[in-house]
Every structure is written in C-alpha cells, then in structure tokens.
Amino acid sequence: MRALFGGSFDPVHVGHLIVAEHVREAAGLDEVLWMPAATSPFKAGQTQTPAETRLRWVKAAIDGHPQFRVSDLEIRAGGLSYTVDTIETLAEQHPDTEWSLILGGDSLAGFPKWKAPRRILSLARLLVYRRPGTRLDALPDWVLARTRFIEVPALIPISSTDIRTRAQAGQSIRYLVPEPIRKEAAHHYTTP
C-alpha cells in the first residue's frame, strides 16, 4: 500500500517528516510518495518559492529514508494542482496499487468542497492526522466511511508560514526544518 502526501512544502519542515513517518508506520505503508504542488488551488495568487526549489528541498529532507519517495508529477503538469487529477494519474500508472491520501484534520474539514471529492475517494482512502482545534463533527458519512484517523505525537505548532515569517525577521529556523535545507531556506526567505 502506498500513500500520497501532497502539499506546497514551502518549506518542508520537521512536522511534515514526523507526520509522514507516524502515518507510514501506523497504516503499514510500503511507501509515502511526497508530491510538491505546482500551485495549490488554495494558494493561487500567493507568492510561492519556485517549484523546483521546493522539490529539491523535499528530496534533501527525505534523502536516505527507504520508504519515502518524491515525485515531480504535479510540477511537470504545471498550473493548479488538483488532487483528483494526481490520484487518477497515479492509479492509471500503478493499477495494482492500493492508494491512500495523507491529510491533516484541517484539510479533511474542507474535503467535501474539493474538486471531485467522491472521485478521489473511489481511488484512495484517507489517512488523517488530527490537528488541534479541528472540528470534524459535520463531515458527511460518505467521507467518514473512507477515512482512518491516525494519532501522531503532539508537536509544537509548526507551520511553513511561521517558518517563513521567522526567517524574514532574521530569527532562527534551526530544528524547525531539516538541517540539509536550513541555511538555504533561511537565505531564500530573507533575500528580496
């Protein structure tokens, strides 16, 4: 069984790594496929680090992990990255693979409004890690029927937005991002 773990990863941080590893173990995944988005529909119009840079950072962050792999599928496709398009392509390329999709509870709350959510669920189940303050009581049964909740360790709230803000303010991002990308990311976010 394989799982798709998509996102902007701007930048990839230790929270992403911890979530991916705990979900991998709990769900007994053979592989986690990291998928940096070309442009997330939820972030269209926002300034983003170039896709090739974010892809390189993810590669550096997961280097050496035998069950983590990165794909440039969405980046090569360009434009807005819709999960339904990605999971359809992966299902066509790997017809004998059982796919899952790793999501945070905050993303699950909005999942019914995604592009073609029922089609996504026909091709993959959801592996959801809870985030503090996320309310999931209004989710429809058709979503919950294909969802497995996985507990991950409570973390200091880490977000890519906060990391960018810290770097822009000249504050340390040490221990928030993987060491192989720390200096480059800090420089990237402070350079006009």
N, C-alpha and C. Protein backbone atom coordinates (compact mmCIF):
# COMPACT_ATOMS: atom_id res chain seq x y z
N MET A 1 0.84 -1.17 0.00
CA MET A 1 0.00 0.00 0.00
C MET A 1 0.89 1.24 0.00
N ARG A 2 0.46 2.23 -0.80
CA ARG A 2 1.22 3.47 -0.91
C ARG A 2 0.30 4.65 -0.57
N ALA A 3 0.91 5.73 -0.10
CA ALA A 3 0.14 6.92 0.23
C ALA A 3 0.75 8.13 -0.44
N LEU A 4 -0.11 9.00 -0.90
CA LEU A 4 0.26 10.28 -1.47
C LEU A 4 0.25 11.32 -0.35
N PHE A 5 1.33 12.07 -0.24
CA PHE A 5 1.44 13.14 0.75
C PHE A 5 1.76 14.40 -0.03
N GLY A 6 0.73 15.18 -0.33
CA GLY A 6 0.91 16.37 -1.14
C GLY A 6 0.88 17.64 -0.33
N GLY A 7 1.41 18.69 -0.92
CA GLY A 7 1.39 19.99 -0.26
C GLY A 7 2.32 20.96 -0.96
N SER A 8 2.29 22.18 -0.49
CA SER A 8 3.19 23.19 -1.04
C SER A 8 4.62 22.96 -0.55
N PHE A 9 4.75 22.52 0.70
CA PHE A 9 6.07 22.29 1.30
C PHE A 9 6.96 23.51 1.11
N ASP A 10 6.48 24.67 1.57
CA ASP A 10 7.16 25.94 1.36
C ASP A 10 7.49 26.62 2.68
N PRO A 11 8.47 26.08 3.43
CA PRO A 11 9.35 24.94 3.15
C PRO A 11 8.82 23.66 3.82
N VAL A 12 9.39 22.54 3.40
CA VAL A 12 9.18 21.28 4.11
C VAL A 12 9.79 21.46 5.50
N HIS A 13 9.11 20.92 6.52
CA HIS A 13 9.63 21.09 7.88
C HIS A 13 9.53 19.79 8.67
N VAL A 14 10.07 19.80 9.88
CA VAL A 14 10.13 18.57 10.67
C VAL A 14 8.74 18.04 11.01
N GLY A 15 7.75 18.91 11.12
CA GLY A 15 6.38 18.44 11.35
C GLY A 15 5.90 17.55 10.21
N HIS A 16 6.20 17.92 8.97
CA HIS A 16 5.85 17.08 7.82
C HIS A 16 6.51 15.71 7.94
N LEU A 17 7.79 15.71 8.29
CA LEU A 17 8.53 14.46 8.39
C LEU A 17 7.98 13.55 9.49
N ILE A 18 7.67 14.14 10.64
CA ILE A 18 7.14 13.36 11.75
C ILE A 18 5.79 12.76 11.39
N VAL A 19 4.92 13.57 10.79
CA VAL A 19 3.60 13.08 10.38
C VAL A 19 3.74 11.94 9.39
N ALA A 20 4.56 12.13 8.35
CA ALA A 20 4.71 11.10 7.33
C ALA A 20 5.22 9.79 7.92
N GLU A 21 6.17 9.88 8.84
CA GLU A 21 6.72 8.66 9.44
C GLU A 21 5.71 7.96 10.34
N HIS A 22 4.98 8.71 11.15
CA HIS A 22 4.00 8.09 12.04
C HIS A 22 2.83 7.49 11.25
N VAL A 23 2.37 8.17 10.23
CA VAL A 23 1.29 7.64 9.40
C VAL A 23 1.77 6.40 8.67
N ARG A 24 3.00 6.44 8.15
CA ARG A 24 3.56 5.28 7.44
C ARG A 24 3.56 4.05 8.34
N GLU A 25 4.05 4.22 9.56
CA GLU A 25 4.11 3.08 10.49
C GLU A 25 2.72 2.60 10.90
N ALA A 26 1.86 3.54 11.29
CA ALA A 26 0.53 3.17 11.79
C ALA A 26 -0.31 2.49 10.72
N ALA A 27 -0.20 2.92 9.48
CA ALA A 27 -1.01 2.36 8.40
C ALA A 27 -0.31 1.19 7.70
N GLY A 28 0.92 0.89 8.08
CA GLY A 28 1.65 -0.20 7.44
C GLY A 28 1.93 0.07 5.97
N LEU A 29 2.27 1.32 5.65
CA LEU A 29 2.50 1.70 4.26
C LEU A 29 3.84 1.17 3.76
N ASP A 30 3.85 0.76 2.51
CA ASP A 30 5.10 0.37 1.86
C ASP A 30 5.89 1.59 1.42
N GLU A 31 5.15 2.68 1.11
CA GLU A 31 5.81 3.88 0.61
C GLU A 31 4.95 5.11 0.83
N VAL A 32 5.61 6.22 1.11
CA VAL A 32 4.96 7.53 1.14
C VAL A 32 5.53 8.30 -0.04
N LEU A 33 4.64 8.71 -0.93
CA LEU A 33 5.04 9.47 -2.11
C LEU A 33 4.77 10.95 -1.86
N TRP A 34 5.84 11.71 -1.67
CA TRP A 34 5.75 13.15 -1.42
C TRP A 34 5.52 13.85 -2.75
N MET A 35 4.53 14.75 -2.79
CA MET A 35 4.15 15.40 -4.04
C MET A 35 4.06 16.92 -3.85
N PRO A 36 5.17 17.64 -4.08
CA PRO A 36 5.08 19.10 -4.02
C PRO A 36 4.15 19.61 -5.14
N ALA A 37 3.23 20.49 -4.77
CA ALA A 37 2.28 21.05 -5.73
C ALA A 37 2.96 22.07 -6.62
N ALA A 38 2.53 22.12 -7.87
CA ALA A 38 2.97 23.22 -8.74
C ALA A 38 2.40 24.50 -8.15
N THR A 39 1.09 24.59 -8.07
CA THR A 39 0.38 25.69 -7.40
C THR A 39 -0.87 25.10 -6.77
N SER A 40 -0.98 25.22 -5.48
CA SER A 40 -2.17 24.73 -4.78
C SER A 40 -3.36 25.63 -5.12
N PRO A 41 -4.53 25.05 -5.40
CA PRO A 41 -5.70 25.89 -5.66
C PRO A 41 -6.06 26.75 -4.44
N PHE A 42 -5.63 26.32 -3.26
CA PHE A 42 -5.91 27.07 -2.04
C PHE A 42 -4.92 28.22 -1.84
N LYS A 43 -3.86 28.25 -2.66
CA LYS A 43 -2.84 29.29 -2.52
C LYS A 43 -2.61 30.04 -3.83
N ALA A 44 -3.55 29.89 -4.77
CA ALA A 44 -3.42 30.58 -6.05
C ALA A 44 -3.36 32.08 -5.81
N GLY A 45 -2.45 32.74 -6.50
CA GLY A 45 -2.30 34.18 -6.35
C GLY A 45 -1.33 34.59 -5.26
N GLN A 46 -0.91 33.66 -4.42
CA GLN A 46 0.06 33.96 -3.37
C GLN A 46 1.46 33.74 -3.92
N THR A 47 2.41 34.51 -3.42
CA THR A 47 3.81 34.32 -3.81
C THR A 47 4.30 33.02 -3.20
N GLN A 48 4.96 32.23 -4.00
CA GLN A 48 5.48 30.94 -3.54
C GLN A 48 6.93 30.79 -3.97
N THR A 49 7.66 30.01 -3.20
CA THR A 49 9.01 29.63 -3.60
C THR A 49 8.90 28.83 -4.89
N PRO A 50 9.82 29.02 -5.84
CA PRO A 50 9.74 28.26 -7.09
C PRO A 50 9.61 26.76 -6.84
N ALA A 51 8.81 26.12 -7.67
CA ALA A 51 8.52 24.69 -7.51
C ALA A 51 9.78 23.84 -7.51
N GLU A 52 10.73 24.17 -8.37
CA GLU A 52 11.96 23.37 -8.45
C GLU A 52 12.75 23.44 -7.15
N THR A 53 12.72 24.60 -6.49
CA THR A 53 13.40 24.74 -5.20
C THR A 53 12.71 23.91 -4.14
N ARG A 54 11.37 23.98 -4.08
CA ARG A 54 10.63 23.21 -3.09
C ARG A 54 10.82 21.70 -3.32
N LEU A 55 10.87 21.28 -4.58
CA LEU A 55 11.12 19.88 -4.91
C LEU A 55 12.50 19.45 -4.42
N ARG A 56 13.51 20.28 -4.66
CA ARG A 56 14.87 19.97 -4.22
C ARG A 56 14.94 19.88 -2.70
N TRP A 57 14.23 20.77 -2.01
CA TRP A 57 14.23 20.74 -0.55
C TRP A 57 13.59 19.45 -0.03
N VAL A 58 12.48 19.02 -0.64
CA VAL A 58 11.85 17.77 -0.20
C VAL A 58 12.80 16.60 -0.44
N LYS A 59 13.44 16.57 -1.59
CA LYS A 59 14.41 15.50 -1.87
C LYS A 59 15.49 15.45 -0.80
N ALA A 60 16.02 16.61 -0.43
CA ALA A 60 17.08 16.67 0.59
C ALA A 60 16.54 16.23 1.95
N ALA A 61 15.30 16.61 2.26
CA ALA A 61 14.72 16.29 3.57
C ALA A 61 14.47 14.80 3.76
N ILE A 62 14.10 14.11 2.68
CA ILE A 62 13.75 12.68 2.82
C ILE A 62 14.87 11.76 2.39
N ASP A 63 15.98 12.32 1.96
CA ASP A 63 17.10 11.52 1.48
C ASP A 63 17.50 10.47 2.50
N GLY A 64 17.63 9.25 2.04
CA GLY A 64 18.08 8.16 2.89
C GLY A 64 16.95 7.38 3.54
N HIS A 65 15.72 7.84 3.44
CA HIS A 65 14.59 7.09 4.02
C HIS A 65 14.12 6.09 2.96
N PRO A 66 14.19 4.80 3.26
CA PRO A 66 13.88 3.80 2.24
C PRO A 66 12.41 3.74 1.81
N GLN A 67 11.50 4.25 2.62
CA GLN A 67 10.09 4.20 2.24
C GLN A 67 9.52 5.57 1.83
N PHE A 68 10.36 6.58 1.75
CA PHE A 68 9.92 7.89 1.28
C PHE A 68 10.46 8.12 -0.12
N ARG A 69 9.60 8.60 -1.00
CA ARG A 69 9.99 8.93 -2.36
C ARG A 69 9.31 10.24 -2.74
N VAL A 70 9.90 10.99 -3.64
CA VAL A 70 9.32 12.26 -4.07
C VAL A 70 8.99 12.17 -5.56
N SER A 71 7.93 12.84 -5.96
CA SER A 71 7.53 12.87 -7.36
C SER A 71 7.38 14.32 -7.82
N ASP A 72 7.73 14.57 -9.07
CA ASP A 72 7.56 15.89 -9.65
C ASP A 72 6.36 15.93 -10.60
N LEU A 73 5.47 14.97 -10.47
CA LEU A 73 4.31 14.84 -11.36
C LEU A 73 3.51 16.14 -11.45
N GLU A 74 3.15 16.73 -10.34
CA GLU A 74 2.34 17.95 -10.35
C GLU A 74 3.15 19.14 -10.87
N ILE A 75 4.42 19.19 -10.55
CA ILE A 75 5.27 20.28 -11.02
C ILE A 75 5.42 20.21 -12.53
N ARG A 76 5.63 19.00 -13.06
CA ARG A 76 5.74 18.84 -14.52
C ARG A 76 4.44 19.22 -15.21
N ALA A 77 3.30 18.91 -14.58
CA ALA A 77 1.99 19.24 -15.16
C ALA A 77 1.77 20.75 -15.18
N GLY A 78 2.33 21.45 -14.18
CA GLY A 78 2.18 22.89 -14.11
C GLY A 78 0.75 23.30 -13.77
N GLY A 79 0.55 24.59 -13.64
CA GLY A 79 -0.78 25.12 -13.34
C GLY A 79 -1.24 24.75 -11.94
N LEU A 80 -2.56 24.78 -11.74
CA LEU A 80 -3.13 24.41 -10.45
C LEU A 80 -3.03 22.91 -10.26
N SER A 81 -2.69 22.48 -9.06
CA SER A 81 -2.54 21.06 -8.74
C SER A 81 -3.79 20.59 -8.01
N TYR A 82 -4.60 19.77 -8.69
CA TYR A 82 -5.79 19.21 -8.08
C TYR A 82 -5.53 17.75 -7.73
N THR A 83 -5.86 17.39 -6.51
CA THR A 83 -5.61 16.03 -6.03
C THR A 83 -6.28 14.99 -6.91
N VAL A 84 -7.49 15.27 -7.37
CA VAL A 84 -8.20 14.29 -8.19
C VAL A 84 -7.40 13.96 -9.46
N ASP A 85 -6.80 14.96 -10.09
CA ASP A 85 -6.00 14.72 -11.30
C ASP A 85 -4.78 13.87 -10.98
N THR A 86 -4.14 14.18 -9.86
CA THR A 86 -2.94 13.45 -9.46
C THR A 86 -3.26 12.00 -9.13
N ILE A 87 -4.30 11.77 -8.33
CA ILE A 87 -4.60 10.40 -7.93
C ILE A 87 -5.10 9.58 -9.12
N GLU A 88 -5.80 10.21 -10.07
CA GLU A 88 -6.20 9.49 -11.29
C GLU A 88 -4.98 9.07 -12.09
N THR A 89 -4.02 9.97 -12.22
CA THR A 89 -2.79 9.64 -12.96
C THR A 89 -2.03 8.51 -12.27
N LEU A 90 -1.89 8.59 -10.94
CA LEU A 90 -1.18 7.55 -10.20
C LEU A 90 -1.90 6.21 -10.32
N ALA A 91 -3.22 6.22 -10.26
CA ALA A 91 -3.99 4.98 -10.38
C ALA A 91 -3.83 4.37 -11.77
N GLU A 92 -3.75 5.20 -12.79
CA GLU A 92 -3.52 4.70 -14.16
C GLU A 92 -2.11 4.12 -14.30
N GLN A 93 -1.13 4.80 -13.73
CA GLN A 93 0.26 4.36 -13.84
C GLN A 93 0.54 3.10 -13.01
N HIS A 94 -0.20 2.93 -11.91
CA HIS A 94 0.02 1.82 -10.98
C HIS A 94 -1.32 1.15 -10.66
N PRO A 95 -1.90 0.44 -11.64
CA PRO A 95 -3.26 -0.09 -11.46
C PRO A 95 -3.40 -1.14 -10.35
N ASP A 96 -2.32 -1.76 -9.95
CA ASP A 96 -2.39 -2.79 -8.90
C ASP A 96 -2.06 -2.25 -7.51
N THR A 97 -1.91 -0.94 -7.40
CA THR A 97 -1.54 -0.32 -6.12
C THR A 97 -2.78 0.18 -5.39
N GLU A 98 -2.83 -0.11 -4.10
CA GLU A 98 -3.87 0.45 -3.24
C GLU A 98 -3.34 1.78 -2.73
N TRP A 99 -4.05 2.87 -3.05
CA TRP A 99 -3.60 4.21 -2.70
C TRP A 99 -4.35 4.78 -1.51
N SER A 100 -3.64 5.57 -0.73
CA SER A 100 -4.21 6.37 0.34
C SER A 100 -3.73 7.80 0.15
N LEU A 101 -4.39 8.69 0.85
CA LEU A 101 -4.04 10.10 0.79
C LEU A 101 -3.87 10.59 2.23
N ILE A 102 -2.70 11.14 2.54
CA ILE A 102 -2.42 11.66 3.89
C ILE A 102 -2.90 13.10 3.97
N LEU A 103 -3.77 13.37 4.95
CA LEU A 103 -4.32 14.71 5.15
C LEU A 103 -4.29 15.09 6.61
N GLY A 104 -4.21 16.39 6.86
CA GLY A 104 -4.41 16.90 8.21
C GLY A 104 -5.89 17.08 8.45
N GLY A 105 -6.27 17.08 9.70
CA GLY A 105 -7.68 17.26 10.05
C GLY A 105 -8.25 18.55 9.51
N ASP A 106 -7.42 19.60 9.43
CA ASP A 106 -7.90 20.87 8.89
C ASP A 106 -8.26 20.73 7.41
N SER A 107 -7.48 19.95 6.67
CA SER A 107 -7.79 19.72 5.26
C SER A 107 -9.03 18.84 5.11
N LEU A 108 -9.17 17.85 5.99
CA LEU A 108 -10.34 16.98 5.92
C LEU A 108 -11.63 17.77 6.12
N ALA A 109 -11.60 18.75 7.00
CA ALA A 109 -12.81 19.54 7.25
C ALA A 109 -13.33 20.18 5.97
N GLY A 110 -12.44 20.58 5.07
CA GLY A 110 -12.85 21.19 3.81
C GLY A 110 -12.92 20.23 2.64
N PHE A 111 -12.61 18.96 2.88
CA PHE A 111 -12.52 17.98 1.80
C PHE A 111 -13.79 17.88 0.94
N PRO A 112 -14.99 17.90 1.52
CA PRO A 112 -16.18 17.79 0.66
C PRO A 112 -16.29 18.90 -0.39
N LYS A 113 -15.55 20.00 -0.23
CA LYS A 113 -15.60 21.11 -1.19
C LYS A 113 -14.47 21.05 -2.21
N TRP A 114 -13.60 20.06 -2.10
CA TRP A 114 -12.52 19.90 -3.07
C TRP A 114 -13.11 19.56 -4.44
N LYS A 115 -12.28 19.67 -5.47
CA LYS A 115 -12.69 19.25 -6.80
C LYS A 115 -12.85 17.72 -6.81
N ALA A 116 -14.03 17.24 -7.15
CA ALA A 116 -14.36 15.81 -7.31
C ALA A 116 -13.99 14.95 -6.10
N PRO A 117 -14.46 15.30 -4.90
CA PRO A 117 -14.07 14.52 -3.72
C PRO A 117 -14.53 13.06 -3.76
N ARG A 118 -15.70 12.81 -4.34
CA ARG A 118 -16.18 11.42 -4.42
C ARG A 118 -15.29 10.59 -5.35
N ARG A 119 -14.81 11.22 -6.41
CA ARG A 119 -13.88 10.52 -7.32
C ARG A 119 -12.58 10.20 -6.60
N ILE A 120 -12.07 11.13 -5.81
CA ILE A 120 -10.86 10.87 -5.03
C ILE A 120 -11.06 9.66 -4.13
N LEU A 121 -12.21 9.63 -3.44
CA LEU A 121 -12.48 8.53 -2.51
C LEU A 121 -12.72 7.20 -3.22
N SER A 122 -13.05 7.24 -4.50
CA SER A 122 -13.20 5.99 -5.25
C SER A 122 -11.84 5.39 -5.59
N LEU A 123 -10.79 6.22 -5.51
CA LEU A 123 -9.44 5.79 -5.87
C LEU A 123 -8.49 5.67 -4.68
N ALA A 124 -8.84 6.28 -3.56
CA ALA A 124 -7.94 6.29 -2.40
C ALA A 124 -8.74 6.46 -1.12
N ARG A 125 -8.23 5.86 -0.06
CA ARG A 125 -8.81 6.14 1.24
C ARG A 125 -8.02 7.27 1.88
N LEU A 126 -8.58 7.87 2.90
CA LEU A 126 -7.93 9.00 3.57
C LEU A 126 -7.29 8.54 4.87
N LEU A 127 -6.06 8.93 5.08
CA LEU A 127 -5.35 8.71 6.33
C LEU A 127 -5.18 10.09 6.94
N VAL A 128 -5.89 10.34 8.03
CA VAL A 128 -5.99 11.70 8.57
C VAL A 128 -5.35 11.78 9.94
N TYR A 129 -4.45 12.77 10.07
CA TYR A 129 -3.86 13.06 11.38
C TYR A 129 -4.56 14.30 11.92
N ARG A 130 -4.90 14.22 13.16
CA ARG A 130 -5.66 15.32 13.78
C ARG A 130 -4.73 16.50 14.07
N ARG A 131 -5.32 17.67 13.99
CA ARG A 131 -4.64 18.90 14.37
C ARG A 131 -5.48 19.57 15.43
N PRO A 132 -4.85 20.24 16.40
CA PRO A 132 -5.61 20.88 17.47
C PRO A 132 -6.64 21.86 16.92
N GLY A 133 -7.84 21.83 17.52
CA GLY A 133 -8.88 22.78 17.17
C GLY A 133 -9.69 22.43 15.94
N THR A 134 -9.41 21.30 15.30
CA THR A 134 -10.14 20.93 14.10
C THR A 134 -11.44 20.24 14.49
N ARG A 135 -12.55 20.73 13.94
CA ARG A 135 -13.86 20.13 14.19
C ARG A 135 -14.23 19.27 13.00
N LEU A 136 -14.55 18.03 13.27
CA LEU A 136 -14.88 17.10 12.21
C LEU A 136 -16.29 16.55 12.34
N ASP A 137 -17.09 17.15 13.22
CA ASP A 137 -18.42 16.61 13.50
C ASP A 137 -19.41 16.84 12.36
N ALA A 138 -19.11 17.69 11.40
CA ALA A 138 -20.05 17.98 10.32
C ALA A 138 -19.72 17.23 9.03
N LEU A 139 -18.78 16.29 9.10
CA LEU A 139 -18.39 15.57 7.89
C LEU A 139 -19.48 14.58 7.48
N PRO A 140 -19.74 14.49 6.18
CA PRO A 140 -20.75 13.53 5.72
C PRO A 140 -20.25 12.08 5.85
N ASP A 141 -21.20 11.16 5.95
CA ASP A 141 -20.87 9.74 6.11
C ASP A 141 -20.03 9.21 4.95
N TRP A 142 -20.27 9.70 3.73
CA TRP A 142 -19.54 9.20 2.57
C TRP A 142 -18.05 9.53 2.66
N VAL A 143 -17.69 10.58 3.42
CA VAL A 143 -16.27 10.89 3.65
C VAL A 143 -15.74 10.02 4.78
N LEU A 144 -16.47 9.96 5.88
CA LEU A 144 -16.00 9.21 7.05
C LEU A 144 -15.85 7.72 6.76
N ALA A 145 -16.66 7.19 5.84
CA ALA A 145 -16.58 5.76 5.51
C ALA A 145 -15.24 5.38 4.88
N ARG A 146 -14.56 6.34 4.29
CA ARG A 146 -13.27 6.06 3.63
C ARG A 146 -12.11 6.75 4.36
N THR A 147 -12.32 7.05 5.66
CA THR A 147 -11.32 7.79 6.44
C THR A 147 -10.85 6.96 7.63
N ARG A 148 -9.54 6.95 7.81
CA ARG A 148 -8.94 6.36 9.01
C ARG A 148 -8.17 7.46 9.72
N PHE A 149 -8.46 7.62 11.00
CA PHE A 149 -7.77 8.63 11.80
C PHE A 149 -6.54 8.00 12.45
N ILE A 150 -5.43 8.72 12.37
CA ILE A 150 -4.17 8.23 12.92
C ILE A 150 -3.63 9.28 13.88
N GLU A 151 -3.31 8.83 15.08
CA GLU A 151 -2.75 9.73 16.08
C GLU A 151 -1.26 9.92 15.82
N VAL A 152 -0.84 11.15 15.90
CA VAL A 152 0.58 11.48 15.80
C VAL A 152 0.96 12.20 17.08
N PRO A 153 2.24 12.22 17.43
CA PRO A 153 2.64 12.88 18.67
C PRO A 153 2.25 14.36 18.66
N ALA A 154 1.88 14.84 19.83
CA ALA A 154 1.59 16.27 19.95
C ALA A 154 2.89 17.03 19.70
N LEU A 155 2.82 18.01 18.83
CA LEU A 155 4.00 18.78 18.45
C LEU A 155 3.81 20.23 18.81
N ILE A 156 4.91 20.91 18.95
CA ILE A 156 4.86 22.37 19.00
C ILE A 156 4.27 22.78 17.66
N PRO A 157 3.29 23.67 17.65
CA PRO A 157 2.71 24.04 16.35
C PRO A 157 3.78 24.58 15.40
N ILE A 158 3.97 23.87 14.31
CA ILE A 158 4.95 24.26 13.30
C ILE A 158 4.20 24.44 12.00
N SER A 159 4.42 25.56 11.33
CA SER A 159 3.81 25.74 10.02
C SER A 159 4.83 26.38 9.10
N SER A 160 4.66 26.12 7.82
CA SER A 160 5.56 26.73 6.84
C SER A 160 5.44 28.25 6.87
N THR A 161 4.23 28.75 7.09
CA THR A 161 4.03 30.20 7.18
C THR A 161 4.85 30.79 8.32
N ASP A 162 4.79 30.16 9.49
CA ASP A 162 5.56 30.65 10.63
C ASP A 162 7.06 30.59 10.37
N ILE A 163 7.50 29.55 9.70
CA ILE A 163 8.93 29.42 9.39
C ILE A 163 9.36 30.54 8.45
N ARG A 164 8.57 30.82 7.43
CA ARG A 164 8.90 31.93 6.52
C ARG A 164 8.95 33.26 7.28
N THR A 165 7.99 33.47 8.17
CA THR A 165 7.94 34.71 8.96
C THR A 165 9.17 34.84 9.84
N ARG A 166 9.55 33.75 10.51
CA ARG A 166 10.74 33.76 11.37
C ARG A 166 11.98 34.09 10.55
N ALA A 167 12.13 33.43 9.42
CA ALA A 167 13.31 33.65 8.58
C ALA A 167 13.35 35.10 8.10
N GLN A 168 12.20 35.63 7.67
CA GLN A 168 12.16 37.02 7.19
C GLN A 168 12.51 38.01 8.28
N ALA A 169 12.22 37.64 9.52
CA ALA A 169 12.54 38.51 10.66
C ALA A 169 13.96 38.30 11.17
N GLY A 170 14.72 37.41 10.51
CA GLY A 170 16.09 37.14 10.92
C GLY A 170 16.19 36.21 12.12
N GLN A 171 15.10 35.52 12.46
CA GLN A 171 15.10 34.60 13.59
C GLN A 171 15.52 33.21 13.12
N SER A 172 15.98 32.42 14.05
CA SER A 172 16.45 31.08 13.75
C SER A 172 15.31 30.16 13.31
N ILE A 173 15.59 29.33 12.32
CA ILE A 173 14.67 28.26 11.94
C ILE A 173 15.32 26.89 12.20
N ARG A 174 16.41 26.91 12.95
CA ARG A 174 17.09 25.67 13.33
C ARG A 174 16.11 24.78 14.09
N TYR A 175 16.15 23.49 13.80
CA TYR A 175 15.30 22.45 14.39
C TYR A 175 13.85 22.51 13.91
N LEU A 176 13.50 23.48 13.08
CA LEU A 176 12.16 23.54 12.50
C LEU A 176 12.13 22.95 11.11
N VAL A 177 13.25 23.07 10.41
CA VAL A 177 13.39 22.49 9.07
C VAL A 177 14.56 21.51 9.10
N PRO A 178 14.57 20.54 8.19
CA PRO A 178 15.69 19.61 8.15
C PRO A 178 17.01 20.36 7.92
N GLU A 179 18.02 19.92 8.61
CA GLU A 179 19.33 20.60 8.55
C GLU A 179 19.87 20.75 7.12
N PRO A 180 19.69 19.76 6.24
CA PRO A 180 20.26 19.95 4.89
C PRO A 180 19.70 21.15 4.12
N ILE A 181 18.54 21.67 4.53
CA ILE A 181 17.98 22.81 3.80
C ILE A 181 17.94 24.09 4.63
N ARG A 182 18.33 24.03 5.90
CA ARG A 182 18.15 25.16 6.81
C ARG A 182 18.80 26.45 6.30
N LYS A 183 20.07 26.42 5.98
CA LYS A 183 20.77 27.65 5.58
C LYS A 183 20.21 28.20 4.28
N GLU A 184 19.95 27.33 3.32
CA GLU A 184 19.42 27.81 2.04
C GLU A 184 18.03 28.40 2.22
N ALA A 185 17.17 27.74 3.01
CA ALA A 185 15.81 28.25 3.24
C ALA A 185 15.86 29.60 3.96
N ALA A 186 16.67 29.70 4.98
CA ALA A 186 16.79 30.97 5.72
C ALA A 186 17.22 32.08 4.78
N HIS A 187 18.21 31.81 3.95
CA HIS A 187 18.70 32.80 2.98
C HIS A 187 17.62 33.14 1.96
N HIS A 188 16.92 32.11 1.48
CA HIS A 188 15.89 32.30 0.46
C HIS A 188 14.80 33.27 0.94
N TYR A 189 14.35 33.09 2.17
CA TYR A 189 13.23 33.90 2.68
C TYR A 189 13.67 35.30 3.13
N THR A 190 14.98 35.52 3.28
CA THR A 190 15.44 36.86 3.67
C THR A 190 15.98 37.66 2.50
N THR A 191 16.11 37.03 1.35
CA THR A 191 16.63 37.73 0.18
C THR A 191 15.47 38.36 -0.59
N PRO A 192 15.53 39.67 -0.81
CA PRO A 192 14.42 40.33 -1.52
C PRO A 192 14.33 39.93 -2.97
